Amino acid sequence: MLKYLSSPFKWFFKLEAASGLVLLFSAIIALIISNSNFSTLYFATLDKYLFIGINEFGLKLSVLHWINDALMAIFFFFVTLEIKREFIQGELSDIKQASLPIIAAVGGMLIPALIYIYINLGNSETLNGWAIPSATDIAFSLGVLSLLGKRVPLSLKVFLTALAIIDDLGAIVIIALFYSGDLSIKYLSLMLLAFIILLIINKFNIKKFLPYLLIGLFLWDFTHNSGIHATIAGVLLAITIPHRKKERDFSLLIKVEHAISPYVAFGIMPLFAFANAGVSLEGLSFSSLLDKVPLGIVLGLFLGKQLGVFAFSYISIKLKIAQLPNNSNWYNFYGVGILTGIGFTMSLFVGNLAFAESMQYMDGVKIGVLTGSLLSTLFGYFLILLTPNK
């Protein structure tokens, strides 16, 4: 039983480390295609509308929106399952263990946002992207750590995993509160009804996933029409999936998490990266990075993340609120702080929401996210690589 419950973290790290490399490959392919003779086909395919349904009952969305609204709802469902498990029975269940990554995550979200806001003051349109540099891509960051092997103690891998999970939770809250459209009372009411039914099913401890899935599909449709971003349906559904400490031999949450994890890690996330990382580099110059949107994102991810994570962590450790992870030192700890600036998936996703009505800024978002994430990868990797283990 103990082995069954402790295995998720080891499995999770191996999965995320491998998927980070697949994500990188997908992003590179997207950049190559979007700057080749196939660029017109690439962007036209993403803009092509697809109808899924029967007769009048169905939904018509562009390929890009099917990926960003429907498939990413599954991604958020998976992420929320991870968050729930960690808070109930994982690294975040003990407040003493959780205090450092929680405090570090707050600093890592706050400082990048403030940097972006400072650079974009006076422009209400670009200011809407303030949350873009606040996110950490868990797959990419853990993928980089995996390349460093035994130079990184397990405690730092646990710290980065927990911090990134809390970052994801912060991103979910931000999306729900700040990136919703005009709200429909009718569909919000239907959302609430579907969520209540899911809670009732949970209360009766039903351990079959099918009832949750069927009601979850209705929940997604209601959420999509409510004005709240459709991915929040994945969050609400995951909250209702049962996982209890007293269960000795079965957890529906862990079963579902393990079942969908390969499809999320090696299907949905790479597809999202491929669909969203493509940007034309024609006419790109260094001065392009000085535009307010990409500059705010680059400085937020590369400088804001590392400063926020390290400063908040350092203060909390000196005040004895938290302690430095075992077998680590300030140098490799700072290196991990730099790696939190790899925003990629979540930053691109938030960017799509922030500028849904101002698509002219999306190229700047992509350039900023890719540049900030690349700088964070290189500097974080080499700092840890060149740091003595002791």
Foldseek 3Di string as FASTA:
>chain_A
DVCVLPPPVVVVLVLLLVLLVLLVVLLVVLAVCCADPNVVVLVVQQQDWDWDDPDPPTDIDGNLCCLLFPVVLLVLLLLLLVVVSCCAPNQNVDVQSLVLLLLLLVLLQPQLLVLLCVLPPPPPQLNLLSRLQSAFDLSNLSNLVVVLPPLDDPLLNVSLNSNNSVRSVVLLVCLQPRLFADFDPVLVVVLVVLLVVLQVCLVVVDLDCVVLVVSLVVNLVSCVPGRRRSSVSSNSSSVSQDDHPPDDPDGSSVVVSVVCSCCVSNPSSSVSSNSQLRAHCVPPDPVLCVPSNLVSNLCSLQPSQLCRSLVSSVVCCVVVVHHDGPLADSQLSSLSSLQSSLRPPSSSSSVCSSCVVPCVCSNSSSNSNVNNNVNSSVSSSVSSNPDDSD
